[in-house]
Amino acid sequence: MHICRYLYITASALEITAMDKSNSSSANKLTVRLELVNKPGVFARVVKVIAEEDANLGAVDIVEVTSPRVIRDVTFDVASDEHGQRII
């Protein structure tokens, strides 16, 4: 069985909750829901962290956009659960 974890991370990254989804195509994919400030460069900093941790960025889906915030689902490949936890 392959599991993809969906995490909801607030802009402050203080509250993280997870649930399993068993229909993912790879056990090495992690999907996070990010609520970020809607300003230039904020998402670029997130992507930089993913790249610096040697994770391969996959899908990026915009869930909601408002003036103060953007919510995105971001999927990336990880080597292990520990690797994914280090990134988030």
N, C-alpha and C. Protein backbone atom coordinates (compact mmCIF):
# COMPACT_ATOMS: atom_id res chain seq x y z
N MET A 1 0.84 -1.17 0.00
CA MET A 1 0.00 0.00 0.00
C MET A 1 0.89 1.24 0.00
N HIS A 2 0.53 2.19 -0.80
CA HIS A 2 1.26 3.45 -0.87
C HIS A 2 0.50 4.51 -0.08
N ILE A 3 1.23 5.31 0.65
CA ILE A 3 0.59 6.32 1.49
C ILE A 3 1.14 7.70 1.15
N CYS A 4 0.26 8.63 0.99
CA CYS A 4 0.64 10.03 0.80
C CYS A 4 0.06 10.78 1.98
N ARG A 5 0.86 11.51 2.68
CA ARG A 5 0.37 12.24 3.84
C ARG A 5 0.02 13.66 3.43
N TYR A 6 -1.13 14.11 3.85
CA TYR A 6 -1.55 15.48 3.61
C TYR A 6 -1.39 16.24 4.91
N LEU A 7 -0.62 17.29 4.88
CA LEU A 7 -0.36 18.10 6.06
C LEU A 7 -0.92 19.48 5.82
N TYR A 8 -1.48 20.05 6.85
CA TYR A 8 -1.94 21.43 6.77
C TYR A 8 -0.98 22.25 7.63
N ILE A 9 -0.26 23.13 7.01
CA ILE A 9 0.72 23.94 7.72
C ILE A 9 0.30 25.38 7.62
N THR A 10 0.10 26.01 8.76
CA THR A 10 -0.29 27.42 8.75
C THR A 10 0.91 28.27 8.40
N ALA A 11 0.67 29.54 8.15
CA ALA A 11 1.75 30.45 7.79
C ALA A 11 2.82 30.49 8.87
N SER A 12 2.42 30.32 10.10
CA SER A 12 3.41 30.32 11.19
C SER A 12 4.06 28.96 11.36
N ALA A 13 3.54 27.94 10.67
CA ALA A 13 4.07 26.57 10.71
C ALA A 13 4.02 25.99 12.12
N LEU A 14 3.10 26.43 12.93
CA LEU A 14 3.02 25.94 14.30
C LEU A 14 2.06 24.77 14.45
N GLU A 15 1.01 24.74 13.66
CA GLU A 15 0.03 23.67 13.79
C GLU A 15 0.12 22.76 12.59
N ILE A 16 0.46 21.51 12.82
CA ILE A 16 0.57 20.54 11.74
C ILE A 16 -0.31 19.35 12.09
N THR A 17 -1.19 18.98 11.19
CA THR A 17 -1.99 17.77 11.36
C THR A 17 -1.82 16.93 10.11
N ALA A 18 -1.96 15.64 10.26
CA ALA A 18 -1.74 14.75 9.11
C ALA A 18 -2.84 13.72 9.02
N MET A 19 -3.13 13.30 7.79
CA MET A 19 -4.01 12.16 7.58
C MET A 19 -3.46 11.36 6.43
N ASP A 20 -3.69 10.06 6.44
CA ASP A 20 -3.17 9.19 5.41
C ASP A 20 -4.14 9.09 4.24
N LYS A 21 -3.59 8.93 3.06
CA LYS A 21 -4.39 8.71 1.86
C LYS A 21 -3.77 7.52 1.15
N SER A 22 -4.52 6.46 0.97
CA SER A 22 -3.94 5.20 0.50
C SER A 22 -3.95 5.02 -1.02
N ASN A 23 -4.38 5.99 -1.80
CA ASN A 23 -4.41 5.79 -3.25
C ASN A 23 -3.32 6.56 -3.98
N SER A 24 -2.26 6.91 -3.29
CA SER A 24 -1.15 7.62 -3.94
C SER A 24 -0.35 6.64 -4.80
N SER A 25 0.29 7.15 -5.84
CA SER A 25 1.06 6.28 -6.73
C SER A 25 2.45 5.99 -6.22
N SER A 26 2.91 6.63 -5.16
CA SER A 26 4.24 6.40 -4.64
C SER A 26 4.27 6.61 -3.14
N ALA A 27 4.96 5.69 -2.45
CA ALA A 27 5.11 5.83 -1.01
C ALA A 27 6.12 6.92 -0.69
N ASN A 28 6.83 7.43 -1.69
CA ASN A 28 7.86 8.42 -1.46
C ASN A 28 7.43 9.83 -1.85
N LYS A 29 6.14 10.05 -1.89
CA LYS A 29 5.63 11.39 -2.18
C LYS A 29 5.03 11.97 -0.92
N LEU A 30 5.25 13.24 -0.71
CA LEU A 30 4.67 13.94 0.43
C LEU A 30 3.92 15.14 -0.12
N THR A 31 2.68 15.31 0.31
CA THR A 31 1.90 16.47 -0.09
C THR A 31 1.61 17.30 1.15
N VAL A 32 1.93 18.59 1.07
CA VAL A 32 1.66 19.50 2.18
C VAL A 32 0.74 20.60 1.71
N ARG A 33 -0.17 21.00 2.57
CA ARG A 33 -1.02 22.15 2.29
C ARG A 33 -0.41 23.33 3.03
N LEU A 34 -0.03 24.34 2.28
CA LEU A 34 0.64 25.51 2.84
C LEU A 34 -0.27 26.72 2.77
N GLU A 35 -0.39 27.42 3.87
CA GLU A 35 -1.07 28.71 3.89
C GLU A 35 0.02 29.76 4.09
N LEU A 36 0.27 30.53 3.04
CA LEU A 36 1.39 31.47 3.03
C LEU A 36 0.89 32.89 2.81
N VAL A 37 1.69 33.82 3.26
CA VAL A 37 1.42 35.23 3.00
C VAL A 37 1.49 35.45 1.49
N ASN A 38 0.57 36.20 0.94
CA ASN A 38 0.50 36.45 -0.50
C ASN A 38 1.40 37.63 -0.87
N LYS A 39 2.71 37.36 -0.86
CA LYS A 39 3.70 38.37 -1.22
C LYS A 39 4.77 37.72 -2.09
N PRO A 40 5.36 38.50 -3.00
CA PRO A 40 6.41 37.95 -3.86
C PRO A 40 7.56 37.37 -3.04
N GLY A 41 8.02 36.20 -3.46
CA GLY A 41 9.19 35.58 -2.86
C GLY A 41 8.90 34.60 -1.74
N VAL A 42 7.70 34.63 -1.17
CA VAL A 42 7.39 33.74 -0.05
C VAL A 42 7.40 32.27 -0.51
N PHE A 43 6.69 31.98 -1.59
CA PHE A 43 6.67 30.60 -2.08
C PHE A 43 8.06 30.18 -2.58
N ALA A 44 8.80 31.09 -3.16
CA ALA A 44 10.15 30.79 -3.63
C ALA A 44 11.04 30.32 -2.49
N ARG A 45 10.87 30.89 -1.31
CA ARG A 45 11.64 30.45 -0.14
C ARG A 45 11.28 29.02 0.25
N VAL A 46 10.00 28.66 0.13
CA VAL A 46 9.57 27.29 0.43
C VAL A 46 10.21 26.32 -0.55
N VAL A 47 10.16 26.65 -1.83
CA VAL A 47 10.74 25.78 -2.85
C VAL A 47 12.24 25.65 -2.65
N LYS A 48 12.90 26.70 -2.23
CA LYS A 48 14.34 26.65 -1.97
C LYS A 48 14.66 25.64 -0.86
N VAL A 49 13.86 25.62 0.19
CA VAL A 49 14.07 24.67 1.28
C VAL A 49 13.92 23.24 0.76
N ILE A 50 12.90 23.00 -0.05
CA ILE A 50 12.69 21.66 -0.61
C ILE A 50 13.90 21.24 -1.45
N ALA A 51 14.39 22.13 -2.28
CA ALA A 51 15.55 21.83 -3.13
C ALA A 51 16.81 21.61 -2.31
N GLU A 52 17.03 22.44 -1.29
CA GLU A 52 18.22 22.31 -0.46
C GLU A 52 18.24 20.99 0.32
N GLU A 53 17.08 20.41 0.52
CA GLU A 53 16.99 19.12 1.22
C GLU A 53 17.00 17.94 0.24
N ASP A 54 17.35 18.20 -1.03
CA ASP A 54 17.44 17.17 -2.07
C ASP A 54 16.13 16.43 -2.29
N ALA A 55 15.02 17.15 -2.22
CA ALA A 55 13.72 16.59 -2.57
C ALA A 55 13.30 17.14 -3.92
N ASN A 56 12.65 16.32 -4.69
CA ASN A 56 12.24 16.71 -6.04
C ASN A 56 10.82 17.25 -6.02
N LEU A 57 10.65 18.51 -6.41
CA LEU A 57 9.34 19.14 -6.43
C LEU A 57 8.46 18.51 -7.50
N GLY A 58 7.22 18.24 -7.13
CA GLY A 58 6.26 17.67 -8.07
C GLY A 58 5.15 18.66 -8.34
N ALA A 59 3.92 18.24 -8.06
CA ALA A 59 2.75 19.07 -8.35
C ALA A 59 2.63 20.23 -7.37
N VAL A 60 2.15 21.35 -7.90
CA VAL A 60 1.82 22.53 -7.09
C VAL A 60 0.42 22.96 -7.51
N ASP A 61 -0.52 22.86 -6.59
CA ASP A 61 -1.91 23.22 -6.89
C ASP A 61 -2.34 24.38 -6.01
N ILE A 62 -2.91 25.39 -6.62
CA ILE A 62 -3.45 26.51 -5.85
C ILE A 62 -4.85 26.14 -5.40
N VAL A 63 -5.08 26.21 -4.10
CA VAL A 63 -6.37 25.87 -3.52
C VAL A 63 -7.23 27.11 -3.36
N GLU A 64 -6.63 28.19 -2.87
CA GLU A 64 -7.37 29.43 -2.63
C GLU A 64 -6.41 30.61 -2.62
N VAL A 65 -6.85 31.72 -3.17
CA VAL A 65 -6.05 32.95 -3.18
C VAL A 65 -6.92 34.08 -2.65
N THR A 66 -6.41 34.79 -1.67
CA THR A 66 -7.03 36.02 -1.20
C THR A 66 -5.93 37.07 -1.11
N SER A 67 -6.31 38.27 -0.84
CA SER A 67 -5.32 39.34 -0.76
C SER A 67 -4.23 39.06 0.27
N PRO A 68 -4.59 38.60 1.48
CA PRO A 68 -3.53 38.40 2.45
C PRO A 68 -2.84 37.04 2.39
N ARG A 69 -3.43 36.03 1.68
CA ARG A 69 -2.84 34.69 1.75
C ARG A 69 -3.09 33.88 0.49
N VAL A 70 -2.26 32.83 0.34
CA VAL A 70 -2.40 31.85 -0.73
C VAL A 70 -2.31 30.47 -0.07
N ILE A 71 -3.24 29.60 -0.44
CA ILE A 71 -3.17 28.22 0.04
C ILE A 71 -2.82 27.35 -1.15
N ARG A 72 -1.74 26.56 -0.98
CA ARG A 72 -1.28 25.68 -2.06
C ARG A 72 -1.09 24.27 -1.51
N ASP A 73 -1.39 23.27 -2.34
CA ASP A 73 -1.00 21.89 -2.08
C ASP A 73 0.29 21.66 -2.86
N VAL A 74 1.34 21.28 -2.17
CA VAL A 74 2.65 21.08 -2.79
C VAL A 74 3.06 19.63 -2.58
N THR A 75 3.37 18.94 -3.68
CA THR A 75 3.80 17.55 -3.61
C THR A 75 5.26 17.46 -4.02
N PHE A 76 6.02 16.67 -3.25
CA PHE A 76 7.43 16.47 -3.58
C PHE A 76 7.85 15.07 -3.18
N ASP A 77 8.90 14.57 -3.83
CA ASP A 77 9.44 13.24 -3.55
C ASP A 77 10.40 13.32 -2.37
N VAL A 78 10.32 12.32 -1.51
CA VAL A 78 11.24 12.22 -0.38
C VAL A 78 11.84 10.82 -0.35
N ALA A 79 13.00 10.70 0.27
CA ALA A 79 13.68 9.42 0.35
C ALA A 79 13.09 8.51 1.43
N SER A 80 12.52 9.11 2.48
CA SER A 80 12.00 8.34 3.60
C SER A 80 11.08 9.23 4.43
N ASP A 81 10.41 8.63 5.41
CA ASP A 81 9.59 9.42 6.32
C ASP A 81 10.43 10.45 7.06
N GLU A 82 11.62 10.04 7.47
CA GLU A 82 12.51 10.95 8.19
C GLU A 82 12.91 12.13 7.32
N HIS A 83 13.17 11.85 6.06
CA HIS A 83 13.53 12.91 5.11
C HIS A 83 12.38 13.90 4.99
N GLY A 84 11.16 13.40 4.85
CA GLY A 84 9.99 14.25 4.75
C GLY A 84 9.79 15.09 6.01
N GLN A 85 9.97 14.49 7.19
CA GLN A 85 9.82 15.22 8.44
C GLN A 85 10.88 16.32 8.57
N ARG A 86 12.08 16.06 8.08
CA ARG A 86 13.15 17.07 8.14
C ARG A 86 12.78 18.29 7.30
N ILE A 87 12.13 18.05 6.16
CA ILE A 87 11.76 19.15 5.28
C ILE A 87 10.64 19.99 5.90
N ILE A 88 9.64 19.33 6.47
CA ILE A 88 8.53 20.11 7.01
C ILE A 88 8.87 20.61 8.40
